Structures are given as structure tokens and as C-alpha cells.
Amino acid sequence: MLLSWILNSQSEDVMLQVIDCEIALAHEAWNLIANLYGAHNRAKNQQCRTKIQTATKGNKSMTEYLKYMKEMSDSLSAAGNKFSKEDLISCVLAGLNSVCLPITTLLEDKI
């Protein structure tokens, strides 16, 4: 009964992957699904980290740029994978354009 509930509560894609593995016990299905979602979360976390590390202000306003960086950092935190405050500040400063160079240099000296 529990196995049936687990299988029926999943998306069709996940259910097909679980059924293809010929699982007979509920805990086997649960572990397989946890591994499937875990791999997806690790990939998403790495993608967020890469976005933070490579983001640039470009033509965005400072408010838009900082909001974007905070959202990416919050996404990582929500997934239990924190981005340290110091690393976030370094990435924010690295992504600023040359117009902000005097301020960037001053702030980097303080970190």
C-alpha cells in the first residue's frame, strides 16, 4: 500500500524511472526517488553558484544587480547550501563595471 502511494504521488517521469527498476519495497522506491531528486538539487546548486561567480552588473541598475545576487544566494541557502557572506561580497564586487572601480577598490581593501 505504501509503495503504491509513493509511486502514484510522483510525476510520470519519476514514476517511470522507479517502475523500470523493478522495485518491490517502499523503502527501495523512497531511496531511489531521494537519489533522483538529490542529483537534481546538486546540479541546481552548482548552477546557482556558477551564476553568482560569473554575474556582472552590465547595464542593470545597482538595485537590480544586488537583488539578483541576493536571490541566487537565497536559493542556495534554501537548498541547505550556503554561500558565505565574504564570498558573496567578493563576487558582487568582481561583477561591478569600471565605473564602480574606485568604490570597488576601496571596499576590497576593507575585506
PDB file of N, CA and C in Angstrom:
ATOM      1  N   MET A   1       0.810  -1.179   0.000  1.00  0.00           N
ATOM      2  CA  MET A   1       0.000   0.000   0.000  1.00  0.00           C
ATOM      3  C   MET A   1       0.866   1.260   0.000  1.00  0.00           C
ATOM      4  N   LEU A   2       1.889   1.290   0.817  1.00  0.00           N
ATOM      5  CA  LEU A   2       2.783   2.442   0.874  1.00  0.00           C
ATOM      6  C   LEU A   2       3.536   2.602  -0.443  1.00  0.00           C
ATOM      7  N   LEU A   3       3.988   1.517  -1.016  1.00  0.00           N
ATOM      8  CA  LEU A   3       4.676   1.571  -2.306  1.00  0.00           C
ATOM      9  C   LEU A   3       3.762   2.169  -3.368  1.00  0.00           C
ATOM     10  N   SER A   4       2.525   1.768  -3.383  1.00  0.00           N
ATOM     11  CA  SER A   4       1.549   2.284  -4.336  1.00  0.00           C
ATOM     12  C   SER A   4       1.369   3.787  -4.159  1.00  0.00           C
ATOM     13  N   TRP A   5       1.276   4.243  -2.921  1.00  0.00           N
ATOM     14  CA  TRP A   5       1.128   5.673  -2.648  1.00  0.00           C
ATOM     15  C   TRP A   5       2.348   6.449  -3.120  1.00  0.00           C
ATOM     16  N   ILE A   6       3.536   5.936  -2.839  1.00  0.00           N
ATOM     17  CA  ILE A   6       4.772   6.605  -3.268  1.00  0.00           C
ATOM     18  C   ILE A   6       4.803   6.730  -4.783  1.00  0.00           C
ATOM     19  N   LEU A   7       4.511   5.658  -5.464  1.00  0.00           N
ATOM     20  CA  LEU A   7       4.548   5.673  -6.932  1.00  0.00           C
ATOM     21  C   LEU A   7       3.492   6.612  -7.522  1.00  0.00           C
ATOM     22  N   ASN A   8       2.303   6.585  -6.969  1.00  0.00           N
ATOM     23  CA  ASN A   8       1.214   7.397  -7.509  1.00  0.00           C
ATOM     24  C   ASN A   8       1.334   8.881  -7.176  1.00  0.00           C
ATOM     25  N   SER A   9       2.186   9.235  -6.231  1.00  0.00           N
ATOM     26  CA  SER A   9       2.331  10.642  -5.860  1.00  0.00           C
ATOM     27  C   SER A   9       3.470  11.330  -6.621  1.00  0.00           C
ATOM     28  N   GLN A  10       4.119  10.598  -7.531  1.00  0.00           N
ATOM     29  CA  GLN A  10       5.244  11.146  -8.284  1.00  0.00           C
ATOM     30  C   GLN A  10       4.802  11.581  -9.680  1.00  0.00           C
ATOM     31  N   SER A  11       5.645  12.415 -10.291  1.00  0.00           N
ATOM     32  CA  SER A  11       5.386  12.791 -11.680  1.00  0.00           C
ATOM     33  C   SER A  11       5.573  11.548 -12.550  1.00  0.00           C
ATOM     34  N   GLU A  12       5.046  11.622 -13.747  1.00  0.00           N
ATOM     35  CA  GLU A  12       5.122  10.464 -14.647  1.00  0.00           C
ATOM     36  C   GLU A  12       6.575  10.087 -14.940  1.00  0.00           C
ATOM     37  N   ASP A  13       7.432  11.079 -15.135  1.00  0.00           N
ATOM     38  CA  ASP A  13       8.847  10.801 -15.423  1.00  0.00           C
ATOM     39  C   ASP A  13       9.525  10.034 -14.291  1.00  0.00           C
ATOM     40  N   VAL A  14       9.298  10.486 -13.073  1.00  0.00           N
ATOM     41  CA  VAL A  14       9.904   9.818 -11.913  1.00  0.00           C
ATOM     42  C   VAL A  14       9.309   8.425 -11.747  1.00  0.00           C
ATOM     43  N   MET A  15       8.004   8.315 -11.876  1.00  0.00           N
ATOM     44  CA  MET A  15       7.342   7.022 -11.721  1.00  0.00           C
ATOM     45  C   MET A  15       7.891   6.005 -12.721  1.00  0.00           C
ATOM     46  N   LEU A  16       8.105   6.431 -13.965  1.00  0.00           N
ATOM     47  CA  LEU A  16       8.640   5.511 -14.974  1.00  0.00           C
ATOM     48  C   LEU A  16      10.047   5.043 -14.617  1.00  0.00           C
ATOM     49  N   GLN A  17      10.861   5.924 -14.062  1.00  0.00           N
ATOM     50  CA  GLN A  17      12.212   5.528 -13.660  1.00  0.00           C
ATOM     51  C   GLN A  17      12.174   4.537 -12.504  1.00  0.00           C
ATOM     52  N   VAL A  18      11.260   4.742 -11.593  1.00  0.00           N
ATOM     53  CA  VAL A  18      11.136   3.837 -10.445  1.00  0.00           C
ATOM     54  C   VAL A  18      10.589   2.484 -10.881  1.00  0.00           C
ATOM     55  N   ILE A  19       9.580   2.491 -11.725  1.00  0.00           N
ATOM     56  CA  ILE A  19       8.983   1.238 -12.194  1.00  0.00           C
ATOM     57  C   ILE A  19       9.977   0.427 -13.014  1.00  0.00           C
ATOM     58  N   ASP A  20      10.788   1.105 -13.828  1.00  0.00           N
ATOM     59  CA  ASP A  20      11.790   0.408 -14.640  1.00  0.00           C
ATOM     60  C   ASP A  20      12.823  -0.323 -13.793  1.00  0.00           C
ATOM     61  N   CYS A  21      12.976   0.069 -12.547  1.00  0.00           N
ATOM     62  CA  CYS A  21      13.954  -0.571 -11.665  1.00  0.00           C
ATOM     63  C   CYS A  21      13.402  -1.792 -10.951  1.00  0.00           C
ATOM     64  N   GLU A  22      12.169  -2.116 -11.233  1.00  0.00           N
ATOM     65  CA  GLU A  22      11.522  -3.292 -10.644  1.00  0.00           C
ATOM     66  C   GLU A  22      11.651  -3.318  -9.118  1.00  0.00           C
ATOM     67  N   ILE A  23      11.236  -2.257  -8.512  1.00  0.00           N
ATOM     68  CA  ILE A  23      11.293  -2.129  -7.060  1.00  0.00           C
ATOM     69  C   ILE A  23      10.051  -2.775  -6.451  1.00  0.00           C
ATOM     70  N   ALA A  24      10.282  -3.533  -5.396  1.00  0.00           N
ATOM     71  CA  ALA A  24       9.168  -4.249  -4.767  1.00  0.00           C
ATOM     72  C   ALA A  24       8.845  -3.696  -3.381  1.00  0.00           C
ATOM     73  N   LEU A  25       9.773  -2.970  -2.776  1.00  0.00           N
ATOM     74  CA  LEU A  25       9.571  -2.482  -1.413  1.00  0.00           C
ATOM     75  C   LEU A  25       9.505  -0.958  -1.378  1.00  0.00           C
ATOM     76  N   ALA A  26       8.717  -0.438  -0.463  1.00  0.00           N
ATOM     77  CA  ALA A  26       8.513   1.010  -0.365  1.00  0.00           C
ATOM     78  C   ALA A  26       9.820   1.739  -0.073  1.00  0.00           C
ATOM     79  N   HIS A  27      10.643   1.211   0.824  1.00  0.00           N
ATOM     80  CA  HIS A  27      11.885   1.924   1.162  1.00  0.00           C
ATOM     81  C   HIS A  27      12.853   1.940  -0.021  1.00  0.00           C
ATOM     82  N   GLU A  28      12.807   0.946  -0.883  1.00  0.00           N
ATOM     83  CA  GLU A  28      13.652   0.966  -2.084  1.00  0.00           C
ATOM     84  C   GLU A  28      13.208   2.094  -3.020  1.00  0.00           C
ATOM     85  N   ALA A  29      11.894   2.234  -3.184  1.00  0.00           N
ATOM     86  CA  ALA A  29      11.365   3.306  -4.026  1.00  0.00           C
ATOM     87  C   ALA A  29      11.721   4.664  -3.432  1.00  0.00           C
ATOM     88  N   TRP A  30      11.557   4.791  -2.126  1.00  0.00           N
ATOM     89  CA  TRP A  30      11.858   6.051  -1.450  1.00  0.00           C
ATOM     90  C   TRP A  30      13.330   6.424  -1.638  1.00  0.00           C
ATOM     91  N   ASN A  31      14.233   5.486  -1.450  1.00  0.00           N
ATOM     92  CA  ASN A  31      15.664   5.759  -1.603  1.00  0.00           C
ATOM     93  C   ASN A  31      16.020   6.133  -3.037  1.00  0.00           C
ATOM     94  N   LEU A  32      15.429   5.452  -3.999  1.00  0.00           N
ATOM     95  CA  LEU A  32      15.687   5.759  -5.403  1.00  0.00           C
ATOM     96  C   LEU A  32      15.213   7.170  -5.746  1.00  0.00           C
ATOM     97  N   ILE A  33      14.016   7.516  -5.299  1.00  0.00           N
ATOM     98  CA  ILE A  33      13.473   8.854  -5.562  1.00  0.00           C
ATOM     99  C   ILE A  33      14.328   9.918  -4.874  1.00  0.00           C
ATOM    100  N   ALA A  34      14.748   9.664  -3.662  1.00  0.00           N
ATOM    101  CA  ALA A  34      15.615  10.620  -2.954  1.00  0.00           C
ATOM    102  C   ALA A  34      16.913  10.836  -3.723  1.00  0.00           C
ATOM    103  N   ASN A  35      17.480   9.774  -4.273  1.00  0.00           N
ATOM    104  CA  ASN A  35      18.710   9.909  -5.069  1.00  0.00           C
ATOM    105  C   ASN A  35      18.465  10.686  -6.354  1.00  0.00           C
ATOM    106  N   LEU A  36      17.319  10.449  -6.995  1.00  0.00           N
ATOM    107  CA  LEU A  36      16.991  11.176  -8.222  1.00  0.00           C
ATOM    108  C   LEU A  36      16.873  12.669  -7.950  1.00  0.00           C
ATOM    109  N   TYR A  37      16.136  13.023  -6.902  1.00  0.00           N
ATOM    110  CA  TYR A  37      15.984  14.438  -6.560  1.00  0.00           C
ATOM    111  C   TYR A  37      17.278  15.034  -6.033  1.00  0.00           C
ATOM    112  N   GLY A  38      18.065  14.247  -5.325  1.00  0.00           N
ATOM    113  CA  GLY A  38      19.341  14.731  -4.805  1.00  0.00           C
ATOM    114  C   GLY A  38      20.285  15.126  -5.918  1.00  0.00           C
ATOM    115  N   ALA A  39      20.349  14.330  -6.975  1.00  0.00           N
ATOM    116  CA  ALA A  39      21.211  14.653  -8.115  1.00  0.00           C
ATOM    117  C   ALA A  39      20.744  15.937  -8.780  1.00  0.00           C
ATOM    118  N   HIS A  40      19.435  16.106  -8.885  1.00  0.00           N
ATOM    119  CA  HIS A  40      18.879  17.322  -9.490  1.00  0.00           C
ATOM    120  C   HIS A  40      19.233  18.544  -8.643  1.00  0.00           C
ATOM    121  N   ASN A  41      19.103  18.420  -7.324  1.00  0.00           N
ATOM    122  CA  ASN A  41      19.418  19.538  -6.437  1.00  0.00           C
ATOM    123  C   ASN A  41      20.892  19.907  -6.475  1.00  0.00           C
ATOM    124  N   ARG A  42      21.761  18.908  -6.540  1.00  0.00           N
ATOM    125  CA  ARG A  42      23.198  19.201  -6.621  1.00  0.00           C
ATOM    126  C   ARG A  42      23.518  19.964  -7.895  1.00  0.00           C
ATOM    127  N   ALA A  43      22.903  19.561  -8.994  1.00  0.00           N
ATOM    128  CA  ALA A  43      23.128  20.253 -10.264  1.00  0.00           C
ATOM    129  C   ALA A  43      22.595  21.684 -10.205  1.00  0.00           C
ATOM    130  N   LYS A  44      21.426  21.852  -9.604  1.00  0.00           N
ATOM    131  CA  LYS A  44      20.839  23.191  -9.487  1.00  0.00           C
ATOM    132  C   LYS A  44      21.690  24.080  -8.575  1.00  0.00           C
ATOM    133  N   ASN A  45      22.191  23.517  -7.479  1.00  0.00           N
ATOM    134  CA  ASN A  45      23.066  24.277  -6.578  1.00  0.00           C
ATOM    135  C   ASN A  45      24.327  24.730  -7.301  1.00  0.00           C
ATOM    136  N   GLN A  46      24.914  23.841  -8.087  1.00  0.00           N
ATOM    137  CA  GLN A  46      26.129  24.207  -8.819  1.00  0.00           C
ATOM    138  C   GLN A  46      25.827  25.293  -9.842  1.00  0.00           C
ATOM    139  N   GLN A  47      24.669  25.205 -10.468  1.00  0.00           N
ATOM    140  CA  GLN A  47      24.272  26.223 -11.438  1.00  0.00           C
ATOM    141  C   GLN A  47      24.113  27.588 -10.753  1.00  0.00           C
ATOM    142  N   CYS A  48      23.501  27.624  -9.574  1.00  0.00           N
ATOM    143  CA  CYS A  48      23.362  28.880  -8.826  1.00  0.00           C
ATOM    144  C   CYS A  48      24.723  29.440  -8.444  1.00  0.00           C
ATOM    145  N   ARG A  49      25.621  28.570  -7.984  1.00  0.00           N
ATOM    146  CA  ARG A  49      26.971  29.021  -7.623  1.00  0.00           C
ATOM    147  C   ARG A  49      27.688  29.637  -8.823  1.00  0.00           C
ATOM    148  N   THR A  50      27.564  28.990  -9.966  1.00  0.00           N
ATOM    149  CA  THR A  50      28.200  29.496 -11.177  1.00  0.00           C
ATOM    150  C   THR A  50      27.606  30.839 -11.575  1.00  0.00           C
ATOM    151  N   LYS A  51      26.287  30.979 -11.453  1.00  0.00           N
ATOM    152  CA  LYS A  51      25.648  32.257 -11.779  1.00  0.00           C
ATOM    153  C   LYS A  51      26.159  33.369 -10.874  1.00  0.00           C
ATOM    154  N   ILE A  52      26.320  33.078  -9.586  1.00  0.00           N
ATOM    155  CA  ILE A  52      26.843  34.086  -8.655  1.00  0.00           C
ATOM    156  C   ILE A  52      28.271  34.463  -9.024  1.00  0.00           C
ATOM    157  N   GLN A  53      29.081  33.460  -9.305  1.00  0.00           N
ATOM    158  CA  GLN A  53      30.503  33.699  -9.558  1.00  0.00           C
ATOM    159  C   GLN A  53      30.767  34.395 -10.887  1.00  0.00           C
ATOM    160  N   THR A  54      29.852  34.287 -11.837  1.00  0.00           N
ATOM    161  CA  THR A  54      30.093  34.866 -13.166  1.00  0.00           C
ATOM    162  C   THR A  54      29.202  36.070 -13.470  1.00  0.00           C
ATOM    163  N   ALA A  55      28.348  36.447 -12.542  1.00  0.00           N
ATOM    164  CA  ALA A  55      27.421  37.565 -12.784  1.00  0.00           C
ATOM    165  C   ALA A  55      28.172  38.881 -12.891  1.00  0.00           C
ATOM    166  N   THR A  56      27.678  39.730 -13.769  1.00  0.00           N
ATOM    167  CA  THR A  56      28.210  41.086 -13.886  1.00  0.00           C
ATOM    168  C   THR A  56      27.050  42.074 -13.837  1.00  0.00           C
ATOM    169  N   LYS A  57      27.342  43.267 -13.414  1.00  0.00           N
ATOM    170  CA  LYS A  57      26.314  44.293 -13.323  1.00  0.00           C
ATOM    171  C   LYS A  57      25.822  44.678 -14.707  1.00  0.00           C
ATOM    172  N   GLY A  58      26.733  44.820 -15.654  1.00  0.00           N
ATOM    173  CA  GLY A  58      26.351  45.178 -17.012  1.00  0.00           C
ATOM    174  C   GLY A  58      25.526  46.445 -17.043  1.00  0.00           C
ATOM    175  N   ASN A  59      24.392  46.414 -17.738  1.00  0.00           N
ATOM    176  CA  ASN A  59      23.515  47.589 -17.861  1.00  0.00           C
ATOM    177  C   ASN A  59      22.440  47.646 -16.781  1.00  0.00           C
ATOM    178  N   LYS A  60      22.457  46.679 -15.861  1.00  0.00           N
ATOM    179  CA  LYS A  60      21.451  46.664 -14.792  1.00  0.00           C
ATOM    180  C   LYS A  60      21.708  47.820 -13.821  1.00  0.00           C
ATOM    181  N   SER A  61      20.639  48.255 -13.181  1.00  0.00           N
ATOM    182  CA  SER A  61      20.826  49.220 -12.098  1.00  0.00           C
ATOM    183  C   SER A  61      21.508  48.487 -10.941  1.00  0.00           C
ATOM    184  N   MET A  62      22.093  49.237 -10.042  1.00  0.00           N
ATOM    185  CA  MET A  62      22.741  48.618  -8.887  1.00  0.00           C
ATOM    186  C   MET A  62      21.721  47.826  -8.075  1.00  0.00           C
ATOM    187  N   THR A  63      20.521  48.365  -7.950  1.00  0.00           N
ATOM    188  CA  THR A  63      19.463  47.675  -7.199  1.00  0.00           C
ATOM    189  C   THR A  63      19.125  46.332  -7.840  1.00  0.00           C
ATOM    190  N   GLU A  64      18.969  46.314  -9.164  1.00  0.00           N
ATOM    191  CA  GLU A  64      18.650  45.072  -9.868  1.00  0.00           C
ATOM    192  C   GLU A  64      19.777  44.050  -9.720  1.00  0.00           C
ATOM    193  N   TYR A  65      21.008  44.520  -9.854  1.00  0.00           N
ATOM    194  CA  TYR A  65      22.173  43.640  -9.742  1.00  0.00           C
ATOM    195  C   TYR A  65      22.262  43.026  -8.347  1.00  0.00           C
ATOM    196  N   LEU A  66      22.151  43.850  -7.323  1.00  0.00           N
ATOM    197  CA  LEU A  66      22.246  43.344  -5.951  1.00  0.00           C
ATOM    198  C   LEU A  66      21.077  42.423  -5.614  1.00  0.00           C
ATOM    199  N   LYS A  67      19.884  42.745  -6.117  1.00  0.00           N
ATOM    200  CA  LYS A  67      18.716  41.889  -5.895  1.00  0.00           C
ATOM    201  C   LYS A  67      18.942  40.516  -6.525  1.00  0.00           C
ATOM    202  N   TYR A  68      19.456  40.497  -7.747  1.00  0.00           N
ATOM    203  CA  TYR A  68      19.744  39.233  -8.437  1.00  0.00           C
ATOM    204  C   TYR A  68      20.736  38.395  -7.634  1.00  0.00           C
ATOM    205  N   MET A  69      21.815  39.007  -7.178  1.00  0.00           N
ATOM    206  CA  MET A  69      22.827  38.274  -6.412  1.00  0.00           C
ATOM    207  C   MET A  69      22.245  37.738  -5.109  1.00  0.00           C
ATOM    208  N   LYS A  70      21.412  38.535  -4.447  1.00  0.00           N
ATOM    209  CA  LYS A  70      20.779  38.094  -3.201  1.00  0.00           C
ATOM    210  C   LYS A  70      19.827  36.930  -3.465  1.00  0.00           C
ATOM    211  N   GLU A  71      19.073  36.988  -4.563  1.00  0.00           N
ATOM    212  CA  GLU A  71      18.158  35.896  -4.900  1.00  0.00           C
ATOM    213  C   GLU A  71      18.908  34.591  -5.152  1.00  0.00           C
ATOM    214  N   MET A  72      20.025  34.663  -5.867  1.00  0.00           N
ATOM    215  CA  MET A  72      20.818  33.459  -6.125  1.00  0.00           C
ATOM    216  C   MET A  72      21.373  32.899  -4.819  1.00  0.00           C
ATOM    217  N   SER A  73      21.864  33.777  -3.969  1.00  0.00           N
ATOM    218  CA  SER A  73      22.398  33.349  -2.677  1.00  0.00           C
ATOM    219  C   SER A  73      21.302  32.740  -1.809  1.00  0.00           C
ATOM    220  N   ASP A  74      20.112  33.351  -1.818  1.00  0.00           N
ATOM    221  CA  ASP A  74      18.985  32.814  -1.040  1.00  0.00           C
ATOM    222  C   ASP A  74      18.550  31.451  -1.564  1.00  0.00           C
ATOM    223  N   SER A  75      18.615  31.258  -2.886  1.00  0.00           N
ATOM    224  CA  SER A  75      18.259  29.959  -3.471  1.00  0.00           C
ATOM    225  C   SER A  75      19.188  28.869  -2.946  1.00  0.00           C
ATOM    226  N   LEU A  76      20.459  29.188  -2.869  1.00  0.00           N
ATOM    227  CA  LEU A  76      21.415  28.215  -2.327  1.00  0.00           C
ATOM    228  C   LEU A  76      21.126  27.931  -0.849  1.00  0.00           C
ATOM    229  N   SER A  77      20.871  28.982  -0.095  1.00  0.00           N
ATOM    230  CA  SER A  77      20.597  28.809   1.336  1.00  0.00           C
ATOM    231  C   SER A  77      19.352  27.964   1.560  1.00  0.00           C
ATOM    232  N   ALA A  78      18.318  28.199   0.756  1.00  0.00           N
ATOM    233  CA  ALA A  78      17.076  27.435   0.889  1.00  0.00           C
ATOM    234  C   ALA A  78      17.296  25.958   0.626  1.00  0.00           C
ATOM    235  N   ALA A  79      18.281  25.648  -0.207  1.00  0.00           N
ATOM    236  CA  ALA A  79      18.595  24.251  -0.518  1.00  0.00           C
ATOM    237  C   ALA A  79      19.605  23.674   0.471  1.00  0.00           C
ATOM    238  N   GLY A  80      19.950  24.457   1.495  1.00  0.00           N
ATOM    239  CA  GLY A  80      20.887  23.980   2.509  1.00  0.00           C
ATOM    240  C   GLY A  80      22.340  24.057   2.088  1.00  0.00           C
ATOM    241  N   ASN A  81      22.631  24.909   1.118  1.00  0.00           N
ATOM    242  CA  ASN A  81      23.989  25.022   0.589  1.00  0.00           C
ATOM    243  C   ASN A  81      24.391  26.488   0.595  1.00  0.00           C
ATOM    244  N   LYS A  82      24.809  26.965   1.749  1.00  0.00           N
ATOM    245  CA  LYS A  82      25.098  28.389   1.913  1.00  0.00           C
ATOM    246  C   LYS A  82      26.299  28.838   1.095  1.00  0.00           C
ATOM    247  N   PHE A  83      26.206  30.085   0.661  1.00  0.00           N
ATOM    248  CA  PHE A  83      27.308  30.787   0.002  1.00  0.00           C
ATOM    249  C   PHE A  83      27.761  31.793   1.045  1.00  0.00           C
ATOM    250  N   SER A  84      29.013  31.734   1.478  1.00  0.00           N
ATOM    251  CA  SER A  84      29.449  32.585   2.583  1.00  0.00           C
ATOM    252  C   SER A  84      29.286  34.064   2.234  1.00  0.00           C
ATOM    253  N   LYS A  85      29.063  34.853   3.260  1.00  0.00           N
ATOM    254  CA  LYS A  85      28.875  36.291   3.068  1.00  0.00           C
ATOM    255  C   LYS A  85      30.109  36.917   2.422  1.00  0.00           C
ATOM    256  N   GLU A  86      31.285  36.487   2.848  1.00  0.00           N
ATOM    257  CA  GLU A  86      32.530  37.022   2.291  1.00  0.00           C
ATOM    258  C   GLU A  86      32.662  36.681   0.808  1.00  0.00           C
ATOM    259  N   ASP A  87      32.326  35.444   0.445  1.00  0.00           N
ATOM    260  CA  ASP A  87      32.394  35.039  -0.964  1.00  0.00           C
ATOM    261  C   ASP A  87      31.377  35.798  -1.802  1.00  0.00           C
ATOM    262  N   LEU A  88      30.178  36.012  -1.252  1.00  0.00           N
ATOM    263  CA  LEU A  88      29.152  36.757  -1.976  1.00  0.00           C
ATOM    264  C   LEU A  88      29.609  38.195  -2.215  1.00  0.00           C
ATOM    265  N   ILE A  89      30.170  38.817  -1.193  1.00  0.00           N
ATOM    266  CA  ILE A  89      30.664  40.194  -1.344  1.00  0.00           C
ATOM    267  C   ILE A  89      31.757  40.251  -2.399  1.00  0.00           C
ATOM    268  N   SER A  90      32.672  39.294  -2.378  1.00  0.00           N
ATOM    269  CA  SER A  90      33.750  39.264  -3.375  1.00  0.00           C
ATOM    270  C   SER A  90      33.190  39.117  -4.787  1.00  0.00           C
ATOM    271  N   CYS A  91      32.193  38.259  -4.955  1.00  0.00           N
ATOM    272  CA  CYS A  91      31.591  38.060  -6.273  1.00  0.00           C
ATOM    273  C   CYS A  91      30.834  39.303  -6.732  1.00  0.00           C
ATOM    274  N   VAL A  92      30.134  39.938  -5.802  1.00  0.00           N
ATOM    275  CA  VAL A  92      29.417  41.179  -6.142  1.00  0.00           C
ATOM    276  C   VAL A  92      30.409  42.238  -6.611  1.00  0.00           C
ATOM    277  N   LEU A  93      31.487  42.410  -5.876  1.00  0.00           N
ATOM    278  CA  LEU A  93      32.487  43.417  -6.245  1.00  0.00           C
ATOM    279  C   LEU A  93      33.160  43.076  -7.573  1.00  0.00           C
ATOM    280  N   ALA A  94      33.432  41.799  -7.796  1.00  0.00           N
ATOM    281  CA  ALA A  94      34.087  41.374  -9.043  1.00  0.00           C
ATOM    282  C   ALA A  94      33.188  41.622 -10.252  1.00  0.00           C
ATOM    283  N   GLY A  95      31.879  41.607 -10.047  1.00  0.00           N
ATOM    284  CA  GLY A  95      30.952  41.785 -11.153  1.00  0.00           C
ATOM    285  C   GLY A  95      30.625  43.229 -11.490  1.00  0.00           C
ATOM    286  N   LEU A  96      31.177  44.173 -10.722  1.00  0.00           N
ATOM    287  CA  LEU A  96      30.903  45.582 -10.992  1.00  0.00           C
ATOM    288  C   LEU A  96      31.731  46.069 -12.177  1.00  0.00           C
ATOM    289  N   ASN A  97      31.202  47.032 -12.884  1.00  0.00           N
ATOM    290  CA  ASN A  97      31.903  47.548 -14.060  1.00  0.00           C
ATOM    291  C   ASN A  97      32.920  48.618 -13.669  1.00  0.00           C
ATOM    292  N   SER A  98      33.654  49.125 -14.649  1.00  0.00           N
ATOM    293  CA  SER A  98      34.762  50.050 -14.391  1.00  0.00           C
ATOM    294  C   SER A  98      34.307  51.374 -13.782  1.00  0.00           C
ATOM    295  N   VAL A  99      33.055  51.750 -13.984  1.00  0.00           N
ATOM    296  CA  VAL A  99      32.539  52.983 -13.383  1.00  0.00           C
ATOM    297  C   VAL A  99      32.616  52.900 -11.859  1.00  0.00           C
ATOM    298  N   CYS A 100      32.477  51.709 -11.338  1.00  0.00           N
ATOM    299  CA  CYS A 100      32.478  51.492  -9.886  1.00  0.00           C
ATOM    300  C   CYS A 100      33.873  51.171  -9.348  1.00  0.00           C
ATOM    301  N   LEU A 101      34.883  51.217 -10.185  1.00  0.00           N
ATOM    302  CA  LEU A 101      36.230  50.791  -9.786  1.00  0.00           C
ATOM    303  C   LEU A 101      36.760  51.490  -8.536  1.00  0.00           C
ATOM    304  N   PRO A 102      36.644  52.801  -8.392  1.00  0.00           N
ATOM    305  CA  PRO A 102      37.170  53.430  -7.171  1.00  0.00           C
ATOM    306  C   PRO A 102      36.504  52.892  -5.898  1.00  0.00           C
ATOM    307  N   ILE A 103      35.209  52.694  -5.952  1.00  0.00           N
ATOM    308  CA  ILE A 103      34.490  52.165  -4.782  1.00  0.00           C
ATOM    309  C   ILE A 103      34.865  50.707  -4.558  1.00  0.00           C
ATOM    310  N   THR A 104      34.957  49.958  -5.639  1.00  0.00           N
ATOM    311  CA  THR A 104      35.317  48.543  -5.547  1.00  0.00           C
ATOM    312  C   THR A 104      36.677  48.368  -4.884  1.00  0.00           C
ATOM    313  N   THR A 105      37.643  49.146  -5.328  1.00  0.00           N
ATOM    314  CA  THR A 105      39.000  49.066  -4.773  1.00  0.00           C
ATOM    315  C   THR A 105      38.988  49.396  -3.289  1.00  0.00           C
ATOM    316  N   LEU A 106      38.279  50.443  -2.912  1.00  0.00           N
ATOM    317  CA  LEU A 106      38.184  50.837  -1.516  1.00  0.00           C
ATOM    318  C   LEU A 106      37.561  49.733  -0.680  1.00  0.00           C
ATOM    319  N   LEU A 107      36.473  49.131  -1.170  1.00  0.00           N
ATOM    320  CA  LEU A 107      35.788  48.078  -0.411  1.00  0.00           C
ATOM    321  C   LEU A 107      36.621  46.805  -0.331  1.00  0.00           C
ATOM    322  N   GLU A 108      37.304  46.447  -1.415  1.00  0.00           N
ATOM    323  CA  GLU A 108      38.124  45.233  -1.396  1.00  0.00           C
ATOM    324  C   GLU A 108      39.252  45.350  -0.387  1.00  0.00           C
ATOM    325  N   ASP A 109      39.788  46.546  -0.195  1.00  0.00           N
ATOM    326  CA  ASP A 109      40.837  46.741   0.799  1.00  0.00           C
ATOM    327  C   ASP A 109      40.333  46.527   2.213  1.00  0.00           C
ATOM    328  N   LYS A 110      39.038  46.716   2.423  1.00  0.00           N
ATOM    329  CA  LYS A 110      38.457  46.577   3.762  1.00  0.00           C
ATOM    330  C   LYS A 110      38.078  45.141   4.094  1.00  0.00           C
ATOM    331  N   ILE A 111      37.972  44.284   3.081  1.00  0.00           N
ATOM    332  CA  ILE A 111      37.548  42.901   3.314  1.00  0.00           C
ATOM    333  C   ILE A 111      38.691  42.069   3.832  1.00  0.00           C
TER     334      ILE A 111
END
